[in-house]
Amino acid sequence: MSVTVSTPVLHPASAATPEAPRADVPYELIELFFFAYRDFVGDPDRILADYNFGRAHHRVLHFVQRRPGLTIAELLDILQITKQSLNRVLKELVETGFVESRTGTQDKRQRNLYATEAGRELAVRLAQLQGKRINGALAQVGPEAGEIVARYLAGLIDPSERRKVQDLLAGPR
């Protein structure tokens, strides 16, 4: 007598059922945040793909364009990434003519980063896309929304980093 063992086919309904939503977990806001972020970065992603660039390139280009003369150490601190992660992206941005690296005037070991004309144009184009999306969303919720949203977003930042971010937002160098 032979026994046949069948392997069950897993269907979404037979998969582990999700835990019932907990009142203390704002699932809807978490999911809205995911979808908002997807669309917020999706607009620039489509343009960046034409250059074979990704989101890391966008972040580097954004901060270099906003803070001419930014050092590599300052950029690493802003982005909270390793030097190895930055090196590849920065190398590509320099080689393609979007960023230039200059020797520091006070410390010759330092490298100061500047967006080229092409880099500034691309960074501004991407910022305008994202600004349009933000402004459209703010227009839907009223004139006081910008300040409320800014406080909300600041509240999402790790408390140990908030002061540094506030200083950074206080203005370009």
C-alpha atoms as a PDB file:
ATOM      1  CA  MET A   1       0.000   0.000   0.000  1.00  0.00           C
ATOM      2  CA  SER A   2       1.469   3.336  -0.954  1.00  0.00           C
ATOM      3  CA  VAL A   3       0.687   6.606   0.703  1.00  0.00           C
ATOM      4  CA  THR A   4       0.553   9.704  -1.426  1.00  0.00           C
ATOM      5  CA  VAL A   5       1.566  12.914   0.250  1.00  0.00           C
ATOM      6  CA  SER A   6       0.272  15.988  -1.454  1.00  0.00           C
ATOM      7  CA  THR A   7       1.813  19.380  -1.078  1.00  0.00           C
ATOM      8  CA  PRO A   8      -0.836  21.971  -0.328  1.00  0.00           C
ATOM      9  CA  VAL A   9      -1.135  24.871  -2.681  1.00  0.00           C
ATOM     10  CA  LEU A  10      -0.961  28.125  -0.810  1.00  0.00           C
ATOM     11  CA  HIS A  11      -3.513  30.740  -1.699  1.00  0.00           C
ATOM     12  CA  PRO A  12      -3.754  34.185  -0.178  1.00  0.00           C
ATOM     13  CA  ALA A  13      -6.845  33.121   1.759  1.00  0.00           C
ATOM     14  CA  SER A  14      -5.073  30.087   3.220  1.00  0.00           C
ATOM     15  CA  ALA A  15      -1.911  31.970   4.082  1.00  0.00           C
ATOM     16  CA  ALA A  16      -1.442  33.134   7.630  1.00  0.00           C
ATOM     17  CA  THR A  17      -4.227  35.555   8.394  1.00  0.00           C
ATOM     18  CA  PRO A  18      -3.079  39.030   9.255  1.00  0.00           C
ATOM     19  CA  GLU A  19      -3.280  40.110  12.826  1.00  0.00           C
ATOM     20  CA  ALA A  20      -6.317  42.227  13.588  1.00  0.00           C
ATOM     21  CA  PRO A  21      -5.469  45.939  13.401  1.00  0.00           C
ATOM     22  CA  ARG A  22      -4.419  47.330  16.733  1.00  0.00           C
ATOM     23  CA  ALA A  23      -5.810  50.642  17.821  1.00  0.00           C
ATOM     24  CA  ASP A  24      -2.349  51.936  18.724  1.00  0.00           C
ATOM     25  CA  VAL A  25      -0.896  51.276  15.248  1.00  0.00           C
ATOM     26  CA  PRO A  26      -1.975  53.867  12.658  1.00  0.00           C
ATOM     27  CA  TYR A  27      -2.008  51.426   9.741  1.00  0.00           C
ATOM     28  CA  GLU A  28      -3.862  53.794   7.439  1.00  0.00           C
ATOM     29  CA  LEU A  29      -1.306  56.564   7.981  1.00  0.00           C
ATOM     30  CA  ILE A  30       1.579  54.131   7.540  1.00  0.00           C
ATOM     31  CA  GLU A  31       0.120  52.976   4.247  1.00  0.00           C
ATOM     32  CA  LEU A  32      -0.690  56.519   3.109  1.00  0.00           C
ATOM     33  CA  PHE A  33       2.916  57.431   3.871  1.00  0.00           C
ATOM     34  CA  PHE A  34       4.159  54.517   1.723  1.00  0.00           C
ATOM     35  CA  PHE A  35       1.917  55.508  -1.194  1.00  0.00           C
ATOM     36  CA  ALA A  36       2.713  59.221  -0.858  1.00  0.00           C
ATOM     37  CA  TYR A  37       6.448  58.472  -0.827  1.00  0.00           C
ATOM     38  CA  ARG A  38       6.075  56.146  -3.830  1.00  0.00           C
ATOM     39  CA  ASP A  39       4.481  58.909  -5.885  1.00  0.00           C
ATOM     40  CA  PHE A  40       6.677  61.698  -4.480  1.00  0.00           C
ATOM     41  CA  VAL A  41       9.834  59.929  -5.655  1.00  0.00           C
ATOM     42  CA  GLY A  42       8.186  58.365  -8.706  1.00  0.00           C
ATOM     43  CA  ASP A  43       8.103  61.616 -10.664  1.00  0.00           C
ATOM     44  CA  PRO A  44      11.875  62.183 -10.351  1.00  0.00           C
ATOM     45  CA  ASP A  45      12.606  58.460 -10.769  1.00  0.00           C
ATOM     46  CA  ARG A  46      11.238  58.548 -14.322  1.00  0.00           C
ATOM     47  CA  ILE A  47      13.536  61.437 -15.253  1.00  0.00           C
ATOM     48  CA  LEU A  48      16.542  59.988 -13.431  1.00  0.00           C
ATOM     49  CA  ALA A  49      16.128  56.726 -15.364  1.00  0.00           C
ATOM     50  CA  ASP A  50      16.967  58.624 -18.574  1.00  0.00           C
ATOM     51  CA  TYR A  51      20.422  59.249 -17.078  1.00  0.00           C
ATOM     52  CA  ASN A  52      20.761  55.767 -15.547  1.00  0.00           C
ATOM     53  CA  PHE A  53      20.577  57.436 -12.134  1.00  0.00           C
ATOM     54  CA  GLY A  54      18.640  56.377  -9.073  1.00  0.00           C
ATOM     55  CA  ARG A  55      17.381  57.862  -5.852  1.00  0.00           C
ATOM     56  CA  ALA A  56      20.859  57.980  -4.318  1.00  0.00           C
ATOM     57  CA  HIS A  57      22.002  60.190  -7.201  1.00  0.00           C
ATOM     58  CA  HIS A  58      18.975  62.413  -6.622  1.00  0.00           C
ATOM     59  CA  ARG A  59      19.719  62.873  -2.918  1.00  0.00           C
ATOM     60  CA  VAL A  60      23.386  63.668  -3.536  1.00  0.00           C
ATOM     61  CA  LEU A  61      22.607  66.084  -6.354  1.00  0.00           C
ATOM     62  CA  HIS A  62      19.884  67.779  -4.294  1.00  0.00           C
ATOM     63  CA  PHE A  63      22.119  68.562  -1.330  1.00  0.00           C
ATOM     64  CA  VAL A  64      25.166  69.474  -3.426  1.00  0.00           C
ATOM     65  CA  GLN A  65      23.044  71.890  -5.464  1.00  0.00           C
ATOM     66  CA  ARG A  66      21.446  73.393  -2.342  1.00  0.00           C
ATOM     67  CA  ARG A  67      24.758  73.801  -0.500  1.00  0.00           C
ATOM     68  CA  PRO A  68      27.573  74.722  -2.893  1.00  0.00           C
ATOM     69  CA  GLY A  69      30.956  73.833  -1.434  1.00  0.00           C
ATOM     70  CA  LEU A  70      29.561  71.062   0.751  1.00  0.00           C
ATOM     71  CA  THR A  71      32.327  68.739   1.896  1.00  0.00           C
ATOM     72  CA  ILE A  72      32.157  64.996   1.484  1.00  0.00           C
ATOM     73  CA  ALA A  73      32.151  64.620   5.280  1.00  0.00           C
ATOM     74  CA  GLU A  74      29.175  66.990   5.559  1.00  0.00           C
ATOM     75  CA  LEU A  75      27.324  65.120   2.821  1.00  0.00           C
ATOM     76  CA  LEU A  76      27.968  61.797   4.535  1.00  0.00           C
ATOM     77  CA  ASP A  77      26.577  63.251   7.748  1.00  0.00           C
ATOM     78  CA  ILE A  78      23.450  64.582   6.025  1.00  0.00           C
ATOM     79  CA  LEU A  79      22.711  61.365   4.146  1.00  0.00           C
ATOM     80  CA  GLN A  80      23.767  59.039   6.968  1.00  0.00           C
ATOM     81  CA  ILE A  81      25.453  56.644   4.557  1.00  0.00           C
ATOM     82  CA  THR A  82      28.898  55.097   4.373  1.00  0.00           C
ATOM     83  CA  LYS A  83      31.722  56.587   2.365  1.00  0.00           C
ATOM     84  CA  GLN A  84      31.727  53.453   0.221  1.00  0.00           C
ATOM     85  CA  SER A  85      28.042  53.968  -0.667  1.00  0.00           C
ATOM     86  CA  LEU A  86      28.651  57.597  -1.560  1.00  0.00           C
ATOM     87  CA  ASN A  87      31.792  56.967  -3.621  1.00  0.00           C
ATOM     88  CA  ARG A  88      30.091  55.099  -6.472  1.00  0.00           C
ATOM     89  CA  VAL A  89      27.231  57.580  -6.802  1.00  0.00           C
ATOM     90  CA  LEU A  90      29.480  60.632  -6.517  1.00  0.00           C
ATOM     91  CA  LYS A  91      31.930  59.188  -9.031  1.00  0.00           C
ATOM     92  CA  GLU A  92      29.104  58.737 -11.554  1.00  0.00           C
ATOM     93  CA  LEU A  93      27.802  62.267 -10.973  1.00  0.00           C
ATOM     94  CA  VAL A  94      31.303  63.708 -11.447  1.00  0.00           C
ATOM     95  CA  GLU A  95      32.083  61.581 -14.527  1.00  0.00           C
ATOM     96  CA  THR A  96      28.810  62.543 -16.212  1.00  0.00           C
ATOM     97  CA  GLY A  97      29.356  66.243 -15.552  1.00  0.00           C
ATOM     98  CA  PHE A  98      26.634  66.934 -12.976  1.00  0.00           C
ATOM     99  CA  VAL A  99      28.915  67.539  -9.983  1.00  0.00           C
ATOM    100  CA  GLU A 100      32.445  68.782  -9.664  1.00  0.00           C
ATOM    101  CA  SER A 101      34.826  68.195  -6.810  1.00  0.00           C
ATOM    102  CA  ARG A 102      37.330  70.913  -5.916  1.00  0.00           C
ATOM    103  CA  THR A 103      40.222  70.948  -3.502  1.00  0.00           C
ATOM    104  CA  GLY A 104      39.409  72.853  -0.330  1.00  0.00           C
ATOM    105  CA  THR A 105      40.816  76.366  -0.077  1.00  0.00           C
ATOM    106  CA  GLN A 106      41.641  76.113   3.638  1.00  0.00           C
ATOM    107  CA  ASP A 107      42.384  72.412   3.845  1.00  0.00           C
ATOM    108  CA  LYS A 108      43.885  70.851   0.724  1.00  0.00           C
ATOM    109  CA  ARG A 109      42.794  67.385   1.896  1.00  0.00           C
ATOM    110  CA  GLN A 110      39.161  68.428   1.799  1.00  0.00           C
ATOM    111  CA  ARG A 111      37.008  68.017  -1.277  1.00  0.00           C
ATOM    112  CA  ASN A 112      34.255  70.577  -1.814  1.00  0.00           C
ATOM    113  CA  LEU A 113      31.345  69.620  -4.010  1.00  0.00           C
ATOM    114  CA  TYR A 114      29.549  71.865  -6.489  1.00  0.00           C
ATOM    115  CA  ALA A 115      26.739  71.213  -8.932  1.00  0.00           C
ATOM    116  CA  THR A 116      27.682  72.066 -12.501  1.00  0.00           C
ATOM    117  CA  GLU A 117      25.242  73.986 -14.702  1.00  0.00           C
ATOM    118  CA  ALA A 118      23.799  70.659 -15.895  1.00  0.00           C
ATOM    119  CA  GLY A 119      23.611  69.458 -12.302  1.00  0.00           C
ATOM    120  CA  ARG A 120      21.808  72.597 -11.169  1.00  0.00           C
ATOM    121  CA  GLU A 121      19.336  72.325 -14.037  1.00  0.00           C
ATOM    122  CA  LEU A 122      18.551  68.686 -13.266  1.00  0.00           C
ATOM    123  CA  ALA A 123      18.299  69.273  -9.506  1.00  0.00           C
ATOM    124  CA  VAL A 124      15.936  72.220  -9.998  1.00  0.00           C
ATOM    125  CA  ARG A 125      13.842  70.271 -12.513  1.00  0.00           C
ATOM    126  CA  LEU A 126      13.414  67.439 -10.003  1.00  0.00           C
ATOM    127  CA  ALA A 127      12.685  69.843  -7.135  1.00  0.00           C
ATOM    128  CA  GLN A 128      10.053  71.619  -9.244  1.00  0.00           C
ATOM    129  CA  LEU A 129       8.292  68.301  -9.877  1.00  0.00           C
ATOM    130  CA  GLN A 130       8.257  67.484  -6.189  1.00  0.00           C
ATOM    131  CA  GLY A 131       7.337  71.046  -5.259  1.00  0.00           C
ATOM    132  CA  LYS A 132       4.360  70.916  -7.597  1.00  0.00           C
ATOM    133  CA  ARG A 133       3.140  67.725  -5.912  1.00  0.00           C
ATOM    134  CA  ILE A 134       3.627  69.199  -2.426  1.00  0.00           C
ATOM    135  CA  ASN A 135       1.963  72.489  -3.315  1.00  0.00           C
ATOM    136  CA  GLY A 136      -0.972  70.653  -4.863  1.00  0.00           C
ATOM    137  CA  ALA A 137      -1.459  68.572  -1.743  1.00  0.00           C
ATOM    138  CA  LEU A 138      -1.163  71.608   0.539  1.00  0.00           C
ATOM    139  CA  ALA A 139      -3.738  73.481  -1.555  1.00  0.00           C
ATOM    140  CA  GLN A 140      -6.228  70.682  -0.867  1.00  0.00           C
ATOM    141  CA  VAL A 141      -5.967  71.054   2.914  1.00  0.00           C
ATOM    142  CA  GLY A 142      -5.791  74.793   3.446  1.00  0.00           C
ATOM    143  CA  PRO A 143      -3.386  77.689   3.994  1.00  0.00           C
ATOM    144  CA  GLU A 144      -2.312  76.665   7.506  1.00  0.00           C
ATOM    145  CA  ALA A 145      -1.360  73.159   6.390  1.00  0.00           C
ATOM    146  CA  GLY A 146       2.269  73.894   5.435  1.00  0.00           C
ATOM    147  CA  GLU A 147       3.316  74.682   8.988  1.00  0.00           C
ATOM    148  CA  ILE A 148       1.371  71.747  10.421  1.00  0.00           C
ATOM    149  CA  VAL A 149       2.857  69.330   7.894  1.00  0.00           C
ATOM    150  CA  ALA A 150       6.353  70.685   8.602  1.00  0.00           C
ATOM    151  CA  ARG A 151       5.878  70.081  12.342  1.00  0.00           C
ATOM    152  CA  TYR A 152       4.496  66.614  11.646  1.00  0.00           C
ATOM    153  CA  LEU A 153       7.427  65.658   9.418  1.00  0.00           C
ATOM    154  CA  ALA A 154       9.907  67.081  11.936  1.00  0.00           C
ATOM    155  CA  GLY A 155       8.234  64.899  14.547  1.00  0.00           C
ATOM    156  CA  LEU A 156       9.020  61.811  12.453  1.00  0.00           C
ATOM    157  CA  ILE A 157      12.749  62.602  12.564  1.00  0.00           C
ATOM    158  CA  ASP A 158      14.719  60.841  15.272  1.00  0.00           C
ATOM    159  CA  PRO A 159      14.881  63.189  18.285  1.00  0.00           C
ATOM    160  CA  SER A 160      18.680  62.978  18.375  1.00  0.00           C
ATOM    161  CA  GLU A 161      18.827  64.295  14.775  1.00  0.00           C
ATOM    162  CA  ARG A 162      16.156  67.022  14.907  1.00  0.00           C
ATOM    163  CA  ARG A 163      18.463  69.865  15.930  1.00  0.00           C
ATOM    164  CA  LYS A 164      20.937  69.011  13.181  1.00  0.00           C
ATOM    165  CA  VAL A 165      18.140  68.917  10.603  1.00  0.00           C
ATOM    166  CA  GLN A 166      16.715  72.225  11.848  1.00  0.00           C
ATOM    167  CA  ASP A 167      20.166  73.815  11.524  1.00  0.00           C
ATOM    168  CA  LEU A 168      20.485  72.380   8.023  1.00  0.00           C
ATOM    169  CA  LEU A 169      17.072  73.732   7.033  1.00  0.00           C
ATOM    170  CA  ALA A 170      17.890  77.156   8.446  1.00  0.00           C
ATOM    171  CA  GLY A 171      19.526  77.922   5.126  1.00  0.00           C
ATOM    172  CA  PRO A 172      22.319  77.162   2.754  1.00  0.00           C
ATOM    173  CA  ARG A 173      25.868  77.579   4.023  1.00  0.00           C
END
